[in-house]
Amino acid sequence: VRITARERSELPLAPMNDVLADDRLGRSVILQQLPSCATARVLRPVSGERVLDMCAAPGGKTTHLAQLMGNAGAGLVACDRSMAKARRIEAL
């Protein structure tokens, strides 16, 4: 499937490979699948709450939760059964 335009919009979509290849972005962009976005939005965490993400890798949901919580994600605990994957999340 190749999607090149948005419904009800005259603006074309930029191919994501081209967007991600832009050196100006560096490591500041993380692609996220819809279930990860929806999970964080439905949970709606706020600063001061405690959240346990037990399936944290590859880190999209975890970083989204931290952003929504503010204060650098204080109160957010992220773990995964794979130590290698957990290390990649730490690097974010």
Protein backbone atom coordinates (compact mmCIF):
# COMPACT_ATOMS: atom_id res chain seq x y z
CA VAL A 1 0.00 0.00 0.00
CA ARG A 2 1.34 3.40 -0.96
CA ILE A 3 -0.46 6.46 0.40
CA THR A 4 0.57 9.70 -1.22
CA ALA A 5 -2.24 12.09 -0.27
CA ARG A 6 -4.50 12.88 2.66
CA GLU A 7 -8.25 12.73 2.36
CA ARG A 8 -9.79 16.20 1.89
CA SER A 9 -6.37 17.80 1.44
CA GLU A 10 -4.56 19.08 -1.60
CA LEU A 11 -1.17 18.76 0.09
CA PRO A 12 0.78 15.59 -0.74
CA LEU A 13 2.27 13.44 1.99
CA ALA A 14 6.03 13.35 2.21
CA PRO A 15 7.42 9.82 1.86
CA MET A 16 8.63 8.91 5.38
CA ASN A 17 11.93 7.48 4.13
CA ASP A 18 12.75 10.88 2.66
CA VAL A 19 11.72 12.65 5.85
CA LEU A 20 13.77 10.35 8.08
CA ALA A 21 16.81 10.62 5.80
CA ASP A 22 16.96 14.38 6.48
CA ASP A 23 20.20 14.91 8.43
CA ARG A 24 18.72 17.95 10.22
CA LEU A 25 16.44 15.64 12.21
CA GLY A 26 19.24 13.62 13.75
CA ARG A 27 17.73 11.34 16.41
CA SER A 28 14.87 13.69 17.23
CA VAL A 29 12.11 11.74 15.44
CA ILE A 30 10.59 8.45 16.53
CA LEU A 31 7.98 6.74 14.38
CA GLN A 32 5.14 5.30 16.41
CA GLN A 33 2.42 2.83 15.53
CA LEU A 34 -1.20 3.73 16.21
CA PRO A 35 -1.72 1.28 19.14
CA SER A 36 1.16 2.88 21.05
CA CYS A 37 -0.24 6.38 20.48
CA ALA A 38 -3.75 5.30 21.43
CA THR A 39 -2.58 3.58 24.61
CA ALA A 40 -0.86 6.71 25.89
CA ARG A 41 -3.78 8.95 24.94
CA VAL A 42 -6.40 6.70 26.55
CA LEU A 43 -4.35 6.41 29.75
CA ARG A 44 -3.88 10.21 29.86
CA PRO A 45 -1.18 10.22 32.55
CA VAL A 46 -0.45 13.44 34.38
CA SER A 47 2.51 14.65 36.39
CA GLY A 48 2.65 13.03 39.82
CA GLU A 49 1.05 9.73 38.78
CA ARG A 50 2.93 6.45 38.67
CA VAL A 51 2.85 4.42 35.44
CA LEU A 52 4.34 0.97 34.81
CA ASP A 53 5.03 0.13 31.14
CA MET A 54 5.71 -3.63 31.20
CA CYS A 55 6.23 -4.01 27.41
CA ALA A 56 8.34 -0.94 26.81
CA ALA A 57 10.46 -1.85 23.77
CA PRO A 58 11.08 -0.36 21.29
CA GLY A 59 10.29 2.80 23.28
CA GLY A 60 7.66 4.74 21.34
CA LYS A 61 4.91 4.27 23.93
CA THR A 62 7.33 4.89 26.79
CA THR A 63 8.65 8.16 25.38
CA HIS A 64 5.12 9.30 24.55
CA LEU A 65 4.01 8.57 28.13
CA ALA A 66 7.02 10.47 29.49
CA GLN A 67 6.19 13.46 27.31
CA LEU A 68 2.55 13.47 28.42
CA MET A 69 3.56 13.17 32.08
CA GLY A 70 6.03 16.05 31.91
CA ASN A 71 8.82 16.44 34.47
CA ALA A 72 11.04 14.09 32.42
CA GLY A 73 8.62 11.22 33.01
CA ALA A 74 9.07 11.15 36.79
CA GLY A 75 6.91 8.28 38.07
CA LEU A 76 7.24 6.28 34.84
CA VAL A 77 8.84 2.84 35.12
CA ALA A 78 9.57 1.03 31.85
CA CYS A 79 10.69 -2.57 31.57
CA ASP A 80 10.90 -5.25 28.91
CA ARG A 81 11.86 -8.91 29.00
CA SER A 82 14.73 -8.26 26.59
CA MET A 83 17.71 -6.51 28.20
CA ALA A 84 19.02 -5.47 24.76
CA LYS A 85 15.72 -3.75 23.98
CA ALA A 86 15.65 -2.09 27.39
CA ARG A 87 19.14 -0.68 26.76
CA ARG A 88 17.93 0.84 23.48
CA ILE A 89 15.13 2.60 25.36
CA GLU A 90 17.66 3.99 27.85
CA ALA A 91 19.58 5.46 24.91
CA LEU A 92 16.51 7.47 23.82
